[in-house]
Amino acid sequence: MSVLKRPKITEKSQALGSKGKYTFVVDTNSNKLQIAQAVEKMYGVNVEKVNTITQIGKKKSRMTKTKLSSGKTSTFKKAIVTLKEGEMIDFYAEL
């Protein structure tokens, strides 16, 4: 299984991109060294620092015509990767 699942592209992560920081959804069992090596291998850049966050799933419920439907969102792990000065990743280059 791959360490990197996908880039997390939101308004807040786009603002961090101008500072040389990029956000990825990663495997929940991966550590900072594995994440740094995977980003360097996949995008050909030098990683300076990695910060990780485990986002715990939330309970969600909604009312339908017949019943109350309840569930839970899934738990995932985010990594904010800081690149060395002057380097960048272009996610839209392959489109």
Foldseek 3Di string as FASTA:
>chain_A
DAFFDAWDDDPVQVVCQVVQKTKTWGAPPDDFVSVQVRCCVPFVFHWDDKDKDKACKDKDWDDDPPGIDIDIDHITMMMITHTPPPDHGDPPPVD
